[in-house]
Amino acid sequence: MGIKTKKIGSAGRFGVGYGKPRERLVAVEKKQRVKQVCPFCSGRAKRQSKGIWLCSKCNKKFAGGTYHLQD
């Protein structure tokens, strides 16, 4: 069904259980959905797979964080 609420956000799909894991998931997904910046050219980096990123501007493929690029 995928119901979202203001308080819990995207983890609302899990229903009433899973308290702490749900909160951690919300924190990870918020960081993940922010536009990631390429460290080489300041272009837009997109996640290809776990830890592999591709910049759409300079077309470089590089390794980084699993869900988001670290600063």
PDB file of N, CA and C in Angstrom:
ATOM      1  N   MET A   1       0.802  -1.174   0.000  1.00  0.00           N
ATOM      2  CA  MET A   1       0.000   0.000   0.000  1.00  0.00           C
ATOM      3  C   MET A   1       0.856   1.254   0.000  1.00  0.00           C
ATOM      4  N   GLY A   2       1.920   1.283   0.829  1.00  0.00           N
ATOM      5  CA  GLY A   2       2.865   2.390   0.777  1.00  0.00           C
ATOM      6  C   GLY A   2       2.363   3.699   1.340  1.00  0.00           C
ATOM      7  N   ILE A   3       1.803   3.687   2.524  1.00  0.00           N
ATOM      8  CA  ILE A   3       1.306   4.922   3.127  1.00  0.00           C
ATOM      9  C   ILE A   3       2.467   5.669   3.769  1.00  0.00           C
ATOM     10  N   LYS A   4       2.562   6.979   3.494  1.00  0.00           N
ATOM     11  CA  LYS A   4       3.585   7.818   4.101  1.00  0.00           C
ATOM     12  C   LYS A   4       2.926   8.773   5.074  1.00  0.00           C
ATOM     13  N   THR A   5       3.587   9.013   6.187  1.00  0.00           N
ATOM     14  CA  THR A   5       3.107  10.021   7.119  1.00  0.00           C
ATOM     15  C   THR A   5       4.220  11.024   7.356  1.00  0.00           C
ATOM     16  N   LYS A   6       3.877  12.180   7.892  1.00  0.00           N
ATOM     17  CA  LYS A   6       4.889  13.204   8.140  1.00  0.00           C
ATOM     18  C   LYS A   6       5.915  12.721   9.153  1.00  0.00           C
ATOM     19  N   LYS A   7       5.456  12.028  10.176  1.00  0.00           N
ATOM     20  CA  LYS A   7       6.335  11.656  11.272  1.00  0.00           C
ATOM     21  C   LYS A   7       7.361  10.602  10.864  1.00  0.00           C
ATOM     22  N   ILE A   8       6.944   9.577  10.187  1.00  0.00           N
ATOM     23  CA  ILE A   8       7.847   8.463   9.905  1.00  0.00           C
ATOM     24  C   ILE A   8       8.344   8.452   8.464  1.00  0.00           C
ATOM     25  N   GLY A   9       7.703   9.157   7.561  1.00  0.00           N
ATOM     26  CA  GLY A   9       8.185   9.257   6.183  1.00  0.00           C
ATOM     27  C   GLY A   9       8.042   7.973   5.402  1.00  0.00           C
ATOM     28  N   SER A  10       9.098   7.597   4.677  1.00  0.00           N
ATOM     29  CA  SER A  10       9.033   6.459   3.768  1.00  0.00           C
ATOM     30  C   SER A  10       8.955   5.122   4.485  1.00  0.00           C
ATOM     31  N   ALA A  11       9.293   5.061   5.780  1.00  0.00           N
ATOM     32  CA  ALA A  11       9.249   3.804   6.524  1.00  0.00           C
ATOM     33  C   ALA A  11       7.824   3.472   6.974  1.00  0.00           C
ATOM     34  N   GLY A  12       6.860   4.299   6.624  1.00  0.00           N
ATOM     35  CA  GLY A  12       5.471   4.023   6.950  1.00  0.00           C
ATOM     36  C   GLY A  12       4.966   2.750   6.303  1.00  0.00           C
ATOM     37  N   ARG A  13       5.689   2.259   5.305  1.00  0.00           N
ATOM     38  CA  ARG A  13       5.284   1.027   4.620  1.00  0.00           C
ATOM     39  C   ARG A  13       5.421  -0.204   5.510  1.00  0.00           C
ATOM     40  N   PHE A  14       6.127  -0.079   6.661  1.00  0.00           N
ATOM     41  CA  PHE A  14       6.315  -1.221   7.547  1.00  0.00           C
ATOM     42  C   PHE A  14       5.233  -1.363   8.606  1.00  0.00           C
ATOM     43  N   GLY A  15       4.325  -0.413   8.678  1.00  0.00           N
ATOM     44  CA  GLY A  15       3.258  -0.518   9.661  1.00  0.00           C
ATOM     45  C   GLY A  15       3.703  -0.087  11.046  1.00  0.00           C
ATOM     46  N   VAL A  16       3.075  -0.656  12.074  1.00  0.00           N
ATOM     47  CA  VAL A  16       3.284  -0.166  13.431  1.00  0.00           C
ATOM     48  C   VAL A  16       4.512  -0.743  14.121  1.00  0.00           C
ATOM     49  N   GLY A  17       5.025  -1.842  13.678  1.00  0.00           N
ATOM     50  CA  GLY A  17       6.170  -2.464  14.349  1.00  0.00           C
ATOM     51  C   GLY A  17       7.497  -1.876  13.919  1.00  0.00           C
ATOM     52  N   TYR A  18       8.576  -2.500  14.338  1.00  0.00           N
ATOM     53  CA  TYR A  18       9.949  -2.174  13.929  1.00  0.00           C
ATOM     54  C   TYR A  18      10.354  -0.749  14.308  1.00  0.00           C
ATOM     55  N   GLY A  19      10.267  -0.384  15.590  1.00  0.00           N
ATOM     56  CA  GLY A  19      10.532   0.984  16.041  1.00  0.00           C
ATOM     57  C   GLY A  19      11.873   1.570  15.663  1.00  0.00           C
ATOM     58  N   LYS A  20      12.968   1.122  16.296  1.00  0.00           N
ATOM     59  CA  LYS A  20      14.297   1.701  16.061  1.00  0.00           C
ATOM     60  C   LYS A  20      14.809   1.428  14.647  1.00  0.00           C
ATOM     61  N   PRO A  21      14.669   0.218  14.111  1.00  0.00           N
ATOM     62  CA  PRO A  21      15.125  -0.008  12.736  1.00  0.00           C
ATOM     63  C   PRO A  21      14.433   0.907  11.729  1.00  0.00           C
ATOM     64  N   ARG A  22      13.166   1.212  11.985  1.00  0.00           N
ATOM     65  CA  ARG A  22      12.425   2.106  11.104  1.00  0.00           C
ATOM     66  C   ARG A  22      13.016   3.507  11.142  1.00  0.00           C
ATOM     67  N   GLU A  23      13.373   3.980  12.336  1.00  0.00           N
ATOM     68  CA  GLU A  23      13.967   5.314  12.466  1.00  0.00           C
ATOM     69  C   GLU A  23      15.313   5.381  11.749  1.00  0.00           C
ATOM     70  N   ARG A  24      16.121   4.325  11.867  1.00  0.00           N
ATOM     71  CA  ARG A  24      17.424   4.284  11.202  1.00  0.00           C
ATOM     72  C   ARG A  24      17.257   4.276   9.686  1.00  0.00           C
ATOM     73  N   LEU A  25      16.267   3.540   9.212  1.00  0.00           N
ATOM     74  CA  LEU A  25      16.000   3.480   7.778  1.00  0.00           C
ATOM     75  C   LEU A  25      15.619   4.852   7.234  1.00  0.00           C
ATOM     76  N   VAL A  26      14.804   5.582   7.969  1.00  0.00           N
ATOM     77  CA  VAL A  26      14.398   6.923   7.543  1.00  0.00           C
ATOM     78  C   VAL A  26      15.622   7.826   7.428  1.00  0.00           C
ATOM     79  N   ALA A  27      16.551   7.735   8.385  1.00  0.00           N
ATOM     80  CA  ALA A  27      17.754   8.568   8.352  1.00  0.00           C
ATOM     81  C   ALA A  27      18.608   8.248   7.127  1.00  0.00           C
ATOM     82  N   VAL A  28      18.782   6.961   6.819  1.00  0.00           N
ATOM     83  CA  VAL A  28      19.582   6.546   5.662  1.00  0.00           C
ATOM     84  C   VAL A  28      18.914   6.981   4.368  1.00  0.00           C
ATOM     85  N   GLU A  29      17.604   6.789   4.251  1.00  0.00           N
ATOM     86  CA  GLU A  29      16.905   7.132   3.018  1.00  0.00           C
ATOM     87  C   GLU A  29      16.869   8.632   2.765  1.00  0.00           C
ATOM     88  N   LYS A  30      16.828   9.448   3.799  1.00  0.00           N
ATOM     89  CA  LYS A  30      16.866  10.899   3.609  1.00  0.00           C
ATOM     90  C   LYS A  30      18.199  11.317   2.999  1.00  0.00           C
ATOM     91  N   LYS A  31      19.303  10.750   3.509  1.00  0.00           N
ATOM     92  CA  LYS A  31      20.630  11.059   2.964  1.00  0.00           C
ATOM     93  C   LYS A  31      20.762  10.528   1.548  1.00  0.00           C
ATOM     94  N   GLN A  32      20.205   9.363   1.308  1.00  0.00           N
ATOM     95  CA  GLN A  32      20.339   8.699   0.008  1.00  0.00           C
ATOM     96  C   GLN A  32      19.618   9.473  -1.091  1.00  0.00           C
ATOM     97  N   ARG A  33      18.503  10.095  -0.777  1.00  0.00           N
ATOM     98  CA  ARG A  33      17.705  10.750  -1.797  1.00  0.00           C
ATOM     99  C   ARG A  33      18.149  12.180  -2.126  1.00  0.00           C
ATOM    100  N   VAL A  34      19.135  12.683  -1.396  1.00  0.00           N
ATOM    101  CA  VAL A  34      19.696  14.005  -1.696  1.00  0.00           C
ATOM    102  C   VAL A  34      20.565  13.876  -2.941  1.00  0.00           C
ATOM    103  N   LYS A  35      20.577  14.909  -3.779  1.00  0.00           N
ATOM    104  CA  LYS A  35      21.416  14.862  -4.981  1.00  0.00           C
ATOM    105  C   LYS A  35      22.882  14.791  -4.570  1.00  0.00           C
ATOM    106  N   GLN A  36      23.590  13.811  -5.101  1.00  0.00           N
ATOM    107  CA  GLN A  36      24.987  13.590  -4.761  1.00  0.00           C
ATOM    108  C   GLN A  36      25.873  14.364  -5.743  1.00  0.00           C
ATOM    109  N   VAL A  37      26.954  14.947  -5.243  1.00  0.00           N
ATOM    110  CA  VAL A  37      27.838  15.786  -6.042  1.00  0.00           C
ATOM    111  C   VAL A  37      29.128  15.028  -6.343  1.00  0.00           C
ATOM    112  N   CYS A  38      29.537  15.051  -7.604  1.00  0.00           N
ATOM    113  CA  CYS A  38      30.774  14.406  -8.037  1.00  0.00           C
ATOM    114  C   CYS A  38      31.967  15.130  -7.421  1.00  0.00           C
ATOM    115  N   PRO A  39      32.912  14.401  -6.803  1.00  0.00           N
ATOM    116  CA  PRO A  39      34.067  15.057  -6.193  1.00  0.00           C
ATOM    117  C   PRO A  39      35.085  15.581  -7.214  1.00  0.00           C
ATOM    118  N   PHE A  40      34.975  15.172  -8.467  1.00  0.00           N
ATOM    119  CA  PHE A  40      35.936  15.578  -9.489  1.00  0.00           C
ATOM    120  C   PHE A  40      35.510  16.852 -10.212  1.00  0.00           C
ATOM    121  N   CYS A  41      34.226  16.927 -10.593  1.00  0.00           N
ATOM    122  CA  CYS A  41      33.797  18.059 -11.429  1.00  0.00           C
ATOM    123  C   CYS A  41      32.592  18.810 -10.866  1.00  0.00           C
ATOM    124  N   SER A  42      32.109  18.430  -9.707  1.00  0.00           N
ATOM    125  CA  SER A  42      30.919  19.026  -9.082  1.00  0.00           C
ATOM    126  C   SER A  42      29.651  18.796  -9.894  1.00  0.00           C
ATOM    127  N   GLY A  43      29.642  17.765 -10.710  1.00  0.00           N
ATOM    128  CA  GLY A  43      28.445  17.393 -11.463  1.00  0.00           C
ATOM    129  C   GLY A  43      27.543  16.493 -10.630  1.00  0.00           C
ATOM    130  N   ARG A  44      26.591  15.862 -11.271  1.00  0.00           N
ATOM    131  CA  ARG A  44      25.620  15.001 -10.593  1.00  0.00           C
ATOM    132  C   ARG A  44      26.107  13.561 -10.623  1.00  0.00           C
ATOM    133  N   ALA A  45      26.322  12.965  -9.458  1.00  0.00           N
ATOM    134  CA  ALA A  45      26.747  11.571  -9.365  1.00  0.00           C
ATOM    135  C   ALA A  45      25.536  10.701  -9.056  1.00  0.00           C
ATOM    136  N   LYS A  46      25.434   9.570  -9.720  1.00  0.00           N
ATOM    137  CA  LYS A  46      24.321   8.667  -9.535  1.00  0.00           C
ATOM    138  C   LYS A  46      24.856   7.291  -9.151  1.00  0.00           C
ATOM    139  N   ARG A  47      24.191   6.620  -8.247  1.00  0.00           N
ATOM    140  CA  ARG A  47      24.627   5.326  -7.748  1.00  0.00           C
ATOM    141  C   ARG A  47      24.318   4.241  -8.772  1.00  0.00           C
ATOM    142  N   GLN A  48      25.336   3.476  -9.149  1.00  0.00           N
ATOM    143  CA  GLN A  48      25.168   2.370 -10.092  1.00  0.00           C
ATOM    144  C   GLN A  48      24.849   1.077  -9.343  1.00  0.00           C
ATOM    145  N   SER A  49      25.626   0.782  -8.329  1.00  0.00           N
ATOM    146  CA  SER A  49      25.408  -0.363  -7.455  1.00  0.00           C
ATOM    147  C   SER A  49      26.044  -0.033  -6.109  1.00  0.00           C
ATOM    148  N   LYS A  50      26.146  -1.003  -5.216  1.00  0.00           N
ATOM    149  CA  LYS A  50      26.693  -0.732  -3.884  1.00  0.00           C
ATOM    150  C   LYS A  50      28.086  -0.132  -3.981  1.00  0.00           C
ATOM    151  N   GLY A  51      28.232   1.120  -3.601  1.00  0.00           N
ATOM    152  CA  GLY A  51      29.534   1.766  -3.548  1.00  0.00           C
ATOM    153  C   GLY A  51      30.101   2.212  -4.879  1.00  0.00           C
ATOM    154  N   ILE A  52      29.414   1.993  -5.985  1.00  0.00           N
ATOM    155  CA  ILE A  52      29.888   2.397  -7.309  1.00  0.00           C
ATOM    156  C   ILE A  52      29.025   3.564  -7.796  1.00  0.00           C
ATOM    157  N   TRP A  53      29.677   4.656  -8.166  1.00  0.00           N
ATOM    158  CA  TRP A  53      28.993   5.880  -8.575  1.00  0.00           C
ATOM    159  C   TRP A  53      29.441   6.287  -9.963  1.00  0.00           C
ATOM    160  N   LEU A  54      28.545   6.921 -10.716  1.00  0.00           N
ATOM    161  CA  LEU A  54      28.846   7.398 -12.062  1.00  0.00           C
ATOM    162  C   LEU A  54      28.405   8.851 -12.170  1.00  0.00           C
ATOM    163  N   CYS A  55      29.326   9.703 -12.646  1.00  0.00           N
ATOM    164  CA  CYS A  55      29.008  11.116 -12.830  1.00  0.00           C
ATOM    165  C   CYS A  55      28.420  11.299 -14.223  1.00  0.00           C
ATOM    166  N   SER A  56      27.305  12.009 -14.301  1.00  0.00           N
ATOM    167  CA  SER A  56      26.663  12.223 -15.592  1.00  0.00           C
ATOM    168  C   SER A  56      27.354  13.328 -16.396  1.00  0.00           C
ATOM    169  N   LYS A  57      28.138  14.180 -15.730  1.00  0.00           N
ATOM    170  CA  LYS A  57      28.790  15.290 -16.413  1.00  0.00           C
ATOM    171  C   LYS A  57      30.145  14.873 -16.994  1.00  0.00           C
ATOM    172  N   CYS A  58      31.035  14.321 -16.157  1.00  0.00           N
ATOM    173  CA  CYS A  58      32.382  13.959 -16.631  1.00  0.00           C
ATOM    174  C   CYS A  58      32.489  12.474 -16.991  1.00  0.00           C
ATOM    175  N   ASN A  59      31.430  11.713 -16.759  1.00  0.00           N
ATOM    176  CA  ASN A  59      31.350  10.295 -17.118  1.00  0.00           C
ATOM    177  C   ASN A  59      32.406   9.435 -16.411  1.00  0.00           C
ATOM    178  N   LYS A  60      32.832   9.849 -15.217  1.00  0.00           N
ATOM    179  CA  LYS A  60      33.785   9.073 -14.428  1.00  0.00           C
ATOM    180  C   LYS A  60      33.025   8.098 -13.548  1.00  0.00           C
ATOM    181  N   LYS A  61      33.571   6.915 -13.426  1.00  0.00           N
ATOM    182  CA  LYS A  61      33.028   5.918 -12.514  1.00  0.00           C
ATOM    183  C   LYS A  61      34.003   5.802 -11.356  1.00  0.00           C
ATOM    184  N   PHE A  62      33.489   5.879 -10.128  1.00  0.00           N
ATOM    185  CA  PHE A  62      34.366   5.862  -8.963  1.00  0.00           C
ATOM    186  C   PHE A  62      33.669   5.186  -7.796  1.00  0.00           C
ATOM    187  N   ALA A  63      34.480   4.843  -6.789  1.00  0.00           N
ATOM    188  CA  ALA A  63      33.960   4.190  -5.590  1.00  0.00           C
ATOM    189  C   ALA A  63      33.697   5.239  -4.521  1.00  0.00           C
ATOM    190  N   GLY A  64      32.690   4.986  -3.705  1.00  0.00           N
ATOM    191  CA  GLY A  64      32.347   5.902  -2.636  1.00  0.00           C
ATOM    192  C   GLY A  64      31.554   5.166  -1.583  1.00  0.00           C
ATOM    193  N   GLY A  65      30.738   5.875  -0.858  1.00  0.00           N
ATOM    194  CA  GLY A  65      29.904   5.249   0.161  1.00  0.00           C
ATOM    195  C   GLY A  65      28.838   4.371  -0.446  1.00  0.00           C
ATOM    196  N   THR A  66      28.305   3.478   0.352  1.00  0.00           N
ATOM    197  CA  THR A  66      27.309   2.535  -0.143  1.00  0.00           C
ATOM    198  C   THR A  66      26.010   3.226  -0.542  1.00  0.00           C
ATOM    199  N   TYR A  67      25.488   4.081   0.327  1.00  0.00           N
ATOM    200  CA  TYR A  67      24.198   4.706   0.066  1.00  0.00           C
ATOM    201  C   TYR A  67      24.317   6.179  -0.306  1.00  0.00           C
ATOM    202  N   HIS A  68      25.377   6.841   0.134  1.00  0.00           N
ATOM    203  CA  HIS A  68      25.589   8.247  -0.184  1.00  0.00           C
ATOM    204  C   HIS A  68      27.086   8.524  -0.159  1.00  0.00           C
ATOM    205  N   LEU A  69      27.492   9.546  -0.881  1.00  0.00           N
ATOM    206  CA  LEU A  69      28.908   9.904  -0.908  1.00  0.00           C
ATOM    207  C   LEU A  69      29.289  10.626   0.368  1.00  0.00           C
ATOM    208  N   GLN A  70      30.410  10.247   0.945  1.00  0.00           N
ATOM    209  CA  GLN A  70      30.876  10.933   2.148  1.00  0.00           C
ATOM    210  C   GLN A  70      31.526  12.252   1.758  1.00  0.00           C
ATOM    211  N   ASP A  71      31.437  13.216   2.650  1.00  0.00           N
ATOM    212  CA  ASP A  71      32.056  14.523   2.401  1.00  0.00           C
ATOM    213  C   ASP A  71      33.483  14.527   2.908  1.00  0.00           C
TER     214      ASP A  71
END
